[in-house]
Amino acid sequence: MKPFAMILTVAAVLTAVPMASPALASYFGSIILSPGQAQQIRTGLPAMNMRVCNDFFSTGGATVTIAGNTPHDLLPGRCAEDIGDQFLVQSHASGQVTIDYRSIQANQGRRMQED
């Protein structure tokens, strides 16, 4: 391998490695559901402590089940926290529901608003 190509390869690896750890620690996303719609979300990561919230501006409630844990009925503005690598959400609203989710590994020790 030519020296210039070797330097570029090493630089690319050194740039990508530090980014991998924070990406796992702050995994997050958002989905929008129509009335009555259900959706299964898989993180693709090992089970983690995660928080799933029904956005304050959603038009109604939703039921969230993280992994095989107890389902949580979430009104707008409420959150649920459990350990898992996936969750199922079912809208019970007459309009659009926005669900936000994220890993809370970096927030251990902080309490959330329980349903």
Protein backbone atom coordinates (compact mmCIF):
# COMPACT_ATOMS: atom_id res chain seq x y z
CA MET A 1 0.00 0.00 0.00
CA LYS A 2 1.30 3.46 -0.87
CA PRO A 3 2.19 5.71 2.09
CA PHE A 4 -0.49 8.28 1.22
CA ALA A 5 -3.21 5.61 1.02
CA MET A 6 -1.98 4.12 4.32
CA ILE A 7 -2.21 7.52 6.03
CA LEU A 8 -5.77 8.04 4.74
CA THR A 9 -6.81 4.58 5.92
CA VAL A 10 -5.37 5.11 9.41
CA ALA A 11 -6.99 8.57 9.62
CA ALA A 12 -10.38 7.13 8.63
CA VAL A 13 -10.14 4.39 11.27
CA LEU A 14 -9.02 6.81 14.00
CA THR A 15 -11.89 9.15 13.13
CA ALA A 16 -14.55 6.40 13.14
CA VAL A 17 -13.54 4.62 16.38
CA PRO A 18 -14.31 7.48 18.80
CA MET A 19 -17.66 8.03 17.09
CA ALA A 20 -18.82 4.43 17.63
CA SER A 21 -19.08 4.54 21.42
CA PRO A 22 -21.16 7.77 21.72
CA ALA A 23 -23.46 6.54 18.98
CA LEU A 24 -24.37 3.51 21.06
CA ALA A 25 -24.75 5.55 24.23
CA SER A 26 -27.14 8.05 22.68
CA TYR A 27 -29.26 5.89 20.38
CA PHE A 28 -32.50 7.74 19.64
CA GLY A 29 -35.30 8.20 17.16
CA SER A 30 -38.85 9.32 16.57
CA ILE A 31 -41.85 7.81 14.80
CA ILE A 32 -45.22 9.21 13.78
CA LEU A 33 -48.30 7.00 13.95
CA SER A 34 -51.68 7.46 12.30
CA PRO A 35 -54.92 6.75 14.21
CA GLY A 36 -54.99 3.11 15.35
CA GLN A 37 -51.61 2.31 13.77
CA ALA A 38 -49.17 -0.06 15.50
CA GLN A 39 -45.45 -0.29 14.86
CA GLN A 40 -42.62 -2.53 16.11
CA ILE A 41 -39.23 -0.83 16.49
CA ARG A 42 -36.04 -2.89 16.80
CA THR A 43 -32.90 -1.05 17.89
CA GLY A 44 -30.47 -3.60 16.47
CA LEU A 45 -28.44 -3.23 19.66
CA PRO A 46 -28.25 -5.42 22.77
CA ALA A 47 -30.88 -4.78 25.43
CA MET A 48 -30.44 -1.32 26.93
CA ASN A 49 -32.17 0.95 29.38
CA MET A 50 -34.47 3.01 27.17
CA ARG A 51 -37.06 5.75 27.54
CA VAL A 52 -40.07 5.97 25.22
CA CYS A 53 -42.23 9.12 25.32
CA ASN A 54 -45.52 10.19 23.79
CA ASP A 55 -44.88 13.73 22.55
CA PHE A 56 -46.75 16.50 24.38
CA PHE A 57 -48.36 17.64 21.12
CA SER A 58 -49.73 14.20 20.16
CA THR A 59 -53.51 14.08 19.69
CA GLY A 60 -54.04 11.23 22.15
CA GLY A 61 -52.69 8.21 23.97
CA ALA A 62 -50.63 5.21 22.94
CA THR A 63 -49.67 1.89 24.52
CA VAL A 64 -45.94 1.11 24.58
CA THR A 65 -44.47 -2.30 25.41
CA ILE A 66 -40.68 -2.39 25.70
CA ALA A 67 -39.38 -5.91 25.01
CA GLY A 68 -41.61 -8.35 26.94
CA ASN A 69 -42.18 -5.98 29.87
CA THR A 70 -45.49 -4.66 31.20
CA PRO A 71 -47.31 -2.37 28.70
CA HIS A 72 -47.47 1.35 29.51
CA ASP A 73 -50.45 3.52 28.56
CA LEU A 74 -48.95 6.90 27.72
CA LEU A 75 -50.96 10.08 27.45
CA PRO A 76 -49.33 13.00 25.60
CA GLY A 77 -46.30 14.27 27.50
CA ARG A 78 -45.76 11.02 29.44
CA CYS A 79 -42.84 8.57 29.25
CA ALA A 80 -42.05 4.95 30.10
CA GLU A 81 -38.70 3.43 30.94
CA ASP A 82 -37.69 -0.24 30.66
CA ILE A 83 -34.87 -2.48 29.52
CA GLY A 84 -35.06 -3.96 26.05
CA ASP A 85 -33.82 -4.05 22.48
CA GLN A 86 -37.20 -3.41 20.86
CA PHE A 87 -40.62 -1.97 21.58
CA LEU A 88 -44.16 -2.12 20.23
CA VAL A 89 -46.31 1.01 20.14
CA GLN A 90 -50.06 1.16 19.40
CA SER A 91 -51.82 4.47 18.82
CA HIS A 92 -55.20 5.02 20.50
CA ALA A 93 -55.58 8.60 19.25
CA SER A 94 -58.00 10.02 16.72
CA GLY A 95 -55.12 11.88 15.06
CA GLN A 96 -51.36 11.78 14.76
CA VAL A 97 -49.17 10.47 17.60
CA THR A 98 -45.44 11.18 17.79
CA ILE A 99 -43.31 8.76 19.81
CA ASP A 100 -39.75 9.68 20.80
CA TYR A 101 -37.33 7.06 22.10
CA ARG A 102 -33.73 6.98 23.26
CA SER A 103 -31.17 5.08 25.23
CA ILE A 104 -30.73 6.48 28.72
CA GLN A 105 -27.43 4.79 29.54
CA ALA A 106 -25.78 8.19 29.97
CA ASN A 107 -28.60 9.34 32.29
CA GLN A 108 -28.45 6.63 34.95
CA GLY A 109 -29.65 7.90 38.31
CA ARG A 110 -32.13 10.41 36.91
CA ARG A 111 -35.82 9.68 37.44
CA MET A 112 -38.48 10.07 34.83
CA GLN A 113 -42.14 10.87 35.04
CA GLU A 114 -43.91 7.55 35.43
CA ASP A 115 -47.25 6.68 33.88
